[in-house]
PDB file of N, CA and C in Angstrom:
ATOM      1  N   UNK A   1     113.154  89.232 104.341  1.00  0.00           N
ATOM      2  CA  UNK A   1     113.838  88.465 103.337  1.00  0.00           C
ATOM      3  C   UNK A   1     114.847  87.554 104.008  1.00  0.00           C
ATOM      4  N   UNK A   2     114.840  86.340 103.613  1.00  0.00           N
ATOM      5  CA  UNK A   2     115.755  85.373 104.185  1.00  0.00           C
ATOM      6  C   UNK A   2     117.026  85.303 103.342  1.00  0.00           C
ATOM      7  N   UNK A   3     118.167  85.185 104.019  1.00  0.00           N
ATOM      8  CA  UNK A   3     119.427  85.013 103.304  1.00  0.00           C
ATOM      9  C   UNK A   3     119.785  83.546 103.310  1.00  0.00           C
ATOM     10  N   UNK A   4     120.209  83.050 102.170  1.00  0.00           N
ATOM     11  CA  UNK A   4     120.590  81.649 102.030  1.00  0.00           C
ATOM     12  C   UNK A   4     121.931  81.572 101.338  1.00  0.00           C
ATOM     13  N   UNK A   5     122.592  80.448 101.499  1.00  0.00           N
ATOM     14  CA  UNK A   5     123.872  80.226 100.826  1.00  0.00           C
ATOM     15  C   UNK A   5     123.636  79.549  99.489  1.00  0.00           C
ATOM     16  N   UNK A   6     124.231  80.115  98.450  1.00  0.00           N
ATOM     17  CA  UNK A   6     124.142  79.519  97.130  1.00  0.00           C
ATOM     18  C   UNK A   6     125.400  78.739  96.821  1.00  0.00           C
ATOM     19  N   UNK A   7     125.609  78.404  95.558  1.00  0.00           N
ATOM     20  CA  UNK A   7     126.801  77.675  95.146  1.00  0.00           C
ATOM     21  C   UNK A   7     128.031  78.542  95.385  1.00  0.00           C
ATOM     22  N   UNK A   8     129.105  77.936  95.822  1.00  0.00           N
ATOM     23  CA  UNK A   8     130.335  78.664  96.079  1.00  0.00           C
ATOM     24  C   UNK A   8     130.303  79.453  97.369  1.00  0.00           C
ATOM     25  N   UNK A   9     129.315  79.232  98.199  1.00  0.00           N
ATOM     26  CA  UNK A   9     129.239  79.915  99.488  1.00  0.00           C
ATOM     27  C   UNK A   9     128.752  81.348  99.414  1.00  0.00           C
ATOM     28  N   UNK A  10     128.278  81.794  98.243  1.00  0.00           N
ATOM     29  CA  UNK A  10     127.774  83.159  98.120  1.00  0.00           C
ATOM     30  C   UNK A  10     126.404  83.272  98.756  1.00  0.00           C
ATOM     31  N   UNK A  11     126.178  84.398  99.374  1.00  0.00           N
ATOM     32  CA  UNK A  11     124.869  84.639  99.989  1.00  0.00           C
ATOM     33  C   UNK A  11     123.961  85.343  98.982  1.00  0.00           C
ATOM     34  N   UNK A  12     122.718  84.958  98.977  1.00  0.00           N
ATOM     35  CA  UNK A  12     121.739  85.650  98.157  1.00  0.00           C
ATOM     36  C   UNK A  12     120.454  85.744  98.951  1.00  0.00           C
ATOM     37  N   UNK A  13     119.623  86.668  98.579  1.00  0.00           N
ATOM     38  CA  UNK A  13     118.348  86.875  99.273  1.00  0.00           C
ATOM     39  C   UNK A  13     117.233  86.231  98.462  1.00  0.00           C
ATOM     40  N   UNK A  14     116.412  85.473  99.146  1.00  0.00           N
ATOM     41  CA  UNK A  14     115.244  84.890  98.478  1.00  0.00           C
ATOM     42  C   UNK A  14     114.048  85.803  98.715  1.00  0.00           C
ATOM     43  N   UNK A  15     113.236  85.956  97.708  1.00  0.00           N
ATOM     44  CA  UNK A  15     112.072  86.833  97.772  1.00  0.00           C
ATOM     45  C   UNK A  15     110.812  85.990  97.633  1.00  0.00           C
ATOM     46  N   UNK A  16     110.202  85.606  98.740  1.00  0.00           N
ATOM     47  CA  UNK A  16     108.971  84.831  98.622  1.00  0.00           C
ATOM     48  C   UNK A  16     107.815  85.701  98.146  1.00  0.00           C
ATOM     49  N   UNK A  17     106.975  85.150  97.309  1.00  0.00           N
ATOM     50  CA  UNK A  17     105.794  85.861  96.838  1.00  0.00           C
ATOM     51  C   UNK A  17     106.094  86.763  95.659  1.00  0.00           C
ATOM     52  N   UNK A  18     105.099  87.525  95.270  1.00  0.00           N
ATOM     53  CA  UNK A  18     105.228  88.418  94.128  1.00  0.00           C
ATOM     54  C   UNK A  18     106.016  89.660  94.516  1.00  0.00           C
ATOM     55  N   UNK A  19     106.828  90.132  93.611  1.00  0.00           N
ATOM     56  CA  UNK A  19     107.593  91.348  93.848  1.00  0.00           C
ATOM     57  C   UNK A  19     107.585  92.191  92.592  1.00  0.00           C
ATOM     58  N   UNK A  20     108.017  93.411  92.713  1.00  0.00           N
ATOM     59  CA  UNK A  20     108.201  94.262  91.553  1.00  0.00           C
ATOM     60  C   UNK A  20     106.960  95.004  91.117  1.00  0.00           C
ATOM     61  N   UNK A  21     106.913  95.293  89.834  1.00  0.00           N
ATOM     62  CA  UNK A  21     105.874  96.140  89.272  1.00  0.00           C
ATOM     63  C   UNK A  21     104.490  95.499  89.352  1.00  0.00           C
ATOM     64  N   UNK A  22     104.410  94.182  89.245  1.00  0.00           N
ATOM     65  CA  UNK A  22     103.101  93.517  89.286  1.00  0.00           C
ATOM     66  C   UNK A  22     102.426  93.730  90.629  1.00  0.00           C
ATOM     67  N   UNK A  23     103.182  93.667  91.700  1.00  0.00           N
ATOM     68  CA  UNK A  23     102.608  93.887  93.032  1.00  0.00           C
ATOM     69  C   UNK A  23     102.118  95.318  93.180  1.00  0.00           C
ATOM     70  N   UNK A  24     102.904  96.255  92.686  1.00  0.00           N
ATOM     71  CA  UNK A  24     102.502  97.652  92.760  1.00  0.00           C
ATOM     72  C   UNK A  24     101.259  97.935  91.944  1.00  0.00           C
ATOM     73  N   UNK A  25     101.188  97.362  90.749  1.00  0.00           N
ATOM     74  CA  UNK A  25     100.022  97.571  89.893  1.00  0.00           C
ATOM     75  C   UNK A  25      98.770  96.966  90.535  1.00  0.00           C
ATOM     76  N   UNK A  26      98.906  95.758  91.105  1.00  0.00           N
ATOM     77  CA  UNK A  26      97.756  95.141  91.770  1.00  0.00           C
ATOM     78  C   UNK A  26      97.331  95.964  92.983  1.00  0.00           C
ATOM     79  N   UNK A  27      98.296  96.463  93.726  1.00  0.00           N
ATOM     80  CA  UNK A  27      97.980  97.272  94.907  1.00  0.00           C
ATOM     81  C   UNK A  27      97.226  98.533  94.543  1.00  0.00           C
ATOM     82  N   UNK A  28      97.688  99.226  93.505  1.00  0.00           N
ATOM     83  CA  UNK A  28      96.992 100.438  93.078  1.00  0.00           C
ATOM     84  C   UNK A  28      95.605 100.123  92.537  1.00  0.00           C
ATOM     85  N   UNK A  29      95.485  99.023  91.788  1.00  0.00           N
ATOM     86  CA  UNK A  29      94.173  98.632  91.266  1.00  0.00           C
ATOM     87  C   UNK A  29      93.222  98.263  92.400  1.00  0.00           C
ATOM     88  N   UNK A  30      93.749  97.591  93.438  1.00  0.00           N
ATOM     89  CA  UNK A  30      92.913  97.241  94.589  1.00  0.00           C
ATOM     90  C   UNK A  30      92.404  98.499  95.282  1.00  0.00           C
ATOM     91  N   UNK A  31      93.299  99.451  95.508  1.00  0.00           N
ATOM     92  CA  UNK A  31      92.890 100.694  96.180  1.00  0.00           C
ATOM     93  C   UNK A  31      91.841 101.423  95.345  1.00  0.00           C
ATOM     94  N   UNK A  32      92.062 101.497  94.041  1.00  0.00           N
ATOM     95  CA  UNK A  32      91.088 102.156  93.173  1.00  0.00           C
ATOM     96  C   UNK A  32      89.737 101.464  93.180  1.00  0.00           C
ATOM     97  N   UNK A  33      89.747 100.131  93.118  1.00  0.00           N
ATOM     98  CA  UNK A  33      88.489  99.382  93.143  1.00  0.00           C
ATOM     99  C   UNK A  33      87.789  99.542  94.489  1.00  0.00           C
ATOM    100  N   UNK A  34      88.555  99.518  95.570  1.00  0.00           N
ATOM    101  CA  UNK A  34      87.949  99.671  96.899  1.00  0.00           C
ATOM    102  C   UNK A  34      87.310 101.048  97.039  1.00  0.00           C
ATOM    103  N   UNK A  35      87.996 102.082  96.595  1.00  0.00           N
ATOM    104  CA  UNK A  35      87.435 103.439  96.663  1.00  0.00           C
ATOM    105  C   UNK A  35      86.164 103.520  95.822  1.00  0.00           C
ATOM    106  N   UNK A  36      86.193 102.927  94.630  1.00  0.00           N
ATOM    107  CA  UNK A  36      85.018 102.971  93.749  1.00  0.00           C
ATOM    108  C   UNK A  36      83.830 102.247  94.378  1.00  0.00           C
ATOM    109  N   UNK A  37      84.042 100.982  94.766  1.00  0.00           N
ATOM    110  CA  UNK A  37      82.926 100.189  95.292  1.00  0.00           C
ATOM    111  C   UNK A  37      82.403 100.732  96.612  1.00  0.00           C
ATOM    112  N   UNK A  38      83.279 101.094  97.526  1.00  0.00           N
ATOM    113  CA  UNK A  38      82.833 101.602  98.826  1.00  0.00           C
ATOM    114  C   UNK A  38      82.208 102.987  98.663  1.00  0.00           C
ATOM    115  N   UNK A  39      82.735 103.787  97.752  1.00  0.00           N
ATOM    116  CA  UNK A  39      82.170 105.112  97.515  1.00  0.00           C
ATOM    117  C   UNK A  39      80.771 105.077  96.935  1.00  0.00           C
ATOM    118  N   UNK A  40      80.449 104.031  96.184  1.00  0.00           N
ATOM    119  CA  UNK A  40      79.122 103.902  95.585  1.00  0.00           C
ATOM    120  C   UNK A  40      78.155 103.086  96.439  1.00  0.00           C
ATOM    121  N   UNK A  41      78.586 102.663  97.604  1.00  0.00           N
ATOM    122  CA  UNK A  41      77.731 101.855  98.480  1.00  0.00           C
ATOM    123  C   UNK A  41      76.738 102.748  99.212  1.00  0.00           C
ATOM    124  N   UNK A  42      75.484 102.296  99.269  1.00  0.00           N
ATOM    125  CA  UNK A  42      74.447 103.056  99.952  1.00  0.00           C
ATOM    126  C   UNK A  42      74.328 102.664 101.415  1.00  0.00           C
ATOM    127  N   UNK A  43      74.733 101.438 101.769  1.00  0.00           N
ATOM    128  CA  UNK A  43      74.633 100.968 103.142  1.00  0.00           C
ATOM    129  C   UNK A  43      75.968 100.383 103.589  1.00  0.00           C
ATOM    130  N   UNK A  44      76.083 100.130 104.896  1.00  0.00           N
ATOM    131  CA  UNK A  44      77.297  99.538 105.432  1.00  0.00           C
ATOM    132  C   UNK A  44      77.530  98.144 104.841  1.00  0.00           C
ATOM    133  N   UNK A  45      76.469  97.366 104.719  1.00  0.00           N
ATOM    134  CA  UNK A  45      76.575  96.019 104.150  1.00  0.00           C
ATOM    135  C   UNK A  45      77.060  96.058 102.702  1.00  0.00           C
ATOM    136  N   UNK A  46      76.563  97.019 101.940  1.00  0.00           N
ATOM    137  CA  UNK A  46      77.004  97.162 100.560  1.00  0.00           C
ATOM    138  C   UNK A  46      78.477  97.571 100.505  1.00  0.00           C
ATOM    139  N   UNK A  47      78.925  98.337 101.486  1.00  0.00           N
ATOM    140  CA  UNK A  47      80.337  98.711 101.564  1.00  0.00           C
ATOM    141  C   UNK A  47      81.221  97.514 101.825  1.00  0.00           C
ATOM    142  N   UNK A  48      80.770  96.598 102.697  1.00  0.00           N
ATOM    143  CA  UNK A  48      81.524  95.371 102.968  1.00  0.00           C
ATOM    144  C   UNK A  48      81.589  94.507 101.708  1.00  0.00           C
ATOM    145  N   UNK A  49      80.469  94.362 101.026  1.00  0.00           N
ATOM    146  CA  UNK A  49      80.440  93.590  99.777  1.00  0.00           C
ATOM    147  C   UNK A  49      81.355  94.245  98.736  1.00  0.00           C
ATOM    148  N   UNK A  50      81.364  95.559  98.685  1.00  0.00           N
ATOM    149  CA  UNK A  50      82.239  96.268  97.764  1.00  0.00           C
ATOM    150  C   UNK A  50      83.701  96.030  98.062  1.00  0.00           C
ATOM    151  N   UNK A  51      84.067  95.994  99.344  1.00  0.00           N
ATOM    152  CA  UNK A  51      85.451  95.720  99.729  1.00  0.00           C
ATOM    153  C   UNK A  51      85.854  94.312  99.306  1.00  0.00           C
ATOM    154  N   UNK A  52      84.959  93.356  99.483  1.00  0.00           N
ATOM    155  CA  UNK A  52      85.238  91.972  99.066  1.00  0.00           C
ATOM    156  C   UNK A  52      85.372  91.899  97.544  1.00  0.00           C
ATOM    157  N   UNK A  53      84.524  92.629  96.820  1.00  0.00           N
ATOM    158  CA  UNK A  53      84.633  92.672  95.353  1.00  0.00           C
ATOM    159  C   UNK A  53      85.981  93.248  94.933  1.00  0.00           C
ATOM    160  N   UNK A  54      86.460  94.252  95.661  1.00  0.00           N
ATOM    161  CA  UNK A  54      87.752  94.852  95.337  1.00  0.00           C
ATOM    162  C   UNK A  54      88.879  93.839  95.518  1.00  0.00           C
ATOM    163  N   UNK A  55      88.752  92.939  96.484  1.00  0.00           N
ATOM    164  CA  UNK A  55      89.761  91.896  96.677  1.00  0.00           C
ATOM    165  C   UNK A  55      89.721  90.851  95.571  1.00  0.00           C
ATOM    166  N   UNK A  56      88.526  90.539  95.074  1.00  0.00           N
ATOM    167  CA  UNK A  56      88.346  89.413  94.154  1.00  0.00           C
ATOM    168  C   UNK A  56      88.207  89.799  92.685  1.00  0.00           C
ATOM    169  N   UNK A  57      88.285  91.075  92.339  1.00  0.00           N
ATOM    170  CA  UNK A  57      88.032  91.468  90.953  1.00  0.00           C
ATOM    171  C   UNK A  57      88.951  90.789  89.941  1.00  0.00           C
ATOM    172  N   UNK A  58      90.219  90.491  90.247  1.00  0.00           N
ATOM    173  CA  UNK A  58      91.035  89.824  89.220  1.00  0.00           C
ATOM    174  C   UNK A  58      90.477  88.457  88.813  1.00  0.00           C
ATOM    175  N   UNK A  59      89.897  87.739  89.757  1.00  0.00           N
ATOM    176  CA  UNK A  59      89.318  86.436  89.428  1.00  0.00           C
ATOM    177  C   UNK A  59      88.146  86.596  88.456  1.00  0.00           C
ATOM    178  N   UNK A  60      87.332  87.619  88.651  1.00  0.00           N
ATOM    179  CA  UNK A  60      86.212  87.864  87.741  1.00  0.00           C
ATOM    180  C   UNK A  60      86.712  88.225  86.346  1.00  0.00           C
ATOM    181  N   UNK A  61      87.774  89.013  86.272  1.00  0.00           N
ATOM    182  CA  UNK A  61      88.330  89.411  84.977  1.00  0.00           C
ATOM    183  C   UNK A  61      88.878  88.189  84.237  1.00  0.00           C
ATOM    184  N   UNK A  62      89.623  87.342  84.926  1.00  0.00           N
ATOM    185  CA  UNK A  62      90.195  86.151  84.294  1.00  0.00           C
ATOM    186  C   UNK A  62      89.080  85.210  83.834  1.00  0.00           C
ATOM    187  N   UNK A  63      88.051  85.028  84.661  1.00  0.00           N
ATOM    188  CA  UNK A  63      86.931  84.177  84.291  1.00  0.00           C
ATOM    189  C   UNK A  63      86.240  84.691  83.026  1.00  0.00           C
ATOM    190  N   UNK A  64      85.979  85.998  82.965  1.00  0.00           N
ATOM    191  CA  UNK A  64      85.312  86.577  81.797  1.00  0.00           C
ATOM    192  C   UNK A  64      86.189  86.454  80.552  1.00  0.00           C
ATOM    193  N   UNK A  65      87.497  86.650  80.699  1.00  0.00           N
ATOM    194  CA  UNK A  65      88.421  86.506  79.576  1.00  0.00           C
ATOM    195  C   UNK A  65      88.420  85.087  79.038  1.00  0.00           C
ATOM    196  N   UNK A  66      88.490  84.113  79.943  1.00  0.00           N
ATOM    197  CA  UNK A  66      88.513  82.712  79.516  1.00  0.00           C
ATOM    198  C   UNK A  66      87.184  82.318  78.871  1.00  0.00           C
ATOM    199  N   UNK A  67      86.091  82.821  79.402  1.00  0.00           N
ATOM    200  CA  UNK A  67      84.782  82.547  78.822  1.00  0.00           C
ATOM    201  C   UNK A  67      84.691  83.158  77.422  1.00  0.00           C
ATOM    202  N   UNK A  68      85.205  84.361  77.266  1.00  0.00           N
ATOM    203  CA  UNK A  68      85.198  85.027  75.960  1.00  0.00           C
ATOM    204  C   UNK A  68      86.059  84.273  74.948  1.00  0.00           C
ATOM    205  N   UNK A  69      87.157  83.703  75.391  1.00  0.00           N
ATOM    206  CA  UNK A  69      88.060  82.969  74.491  1.00  0.00           C
ATOM    207  C   UNK A  69      87.600  81.532  74.251  1.00  0.00           C
ATOM    208  N   UNK A  70      86.527  81.113  74.907  1.00  0.00           N
ATOM    209  CA  UNK A  70      85.977  79.791  74.688  1.00  0.00           C
ATOM    210  C   UNK A  70      86.737  78.681  75.396  1.00  0.00           C
ATOM    211  N   UNK A  71      87.367  78.980  76.475  1.00  0.00           N
ATOM    212  CA  UNK A  71      88.128  77.969  77.211  1.00  0.00           C
ATOM    213  C   UNK A  71      87.268  77.303  78.262  1.00  0.00           C
TER     214      UNK A  71
END
């Protein structure tokens, strides 16, 4: 975390990127998806594809939601 000077010379910490509960929820969901996909893989290649799916699953969810809503 970088410290910067704000108004009045006060120091504050800037937090780049996502922080808080959203990061934790995404992290737990990623671990769960990775365990699921890799656990159901029959071959090493399928395990690699499963790991990639675990990284990208939020994009698939958002796409399906937008398609369902007619956007």
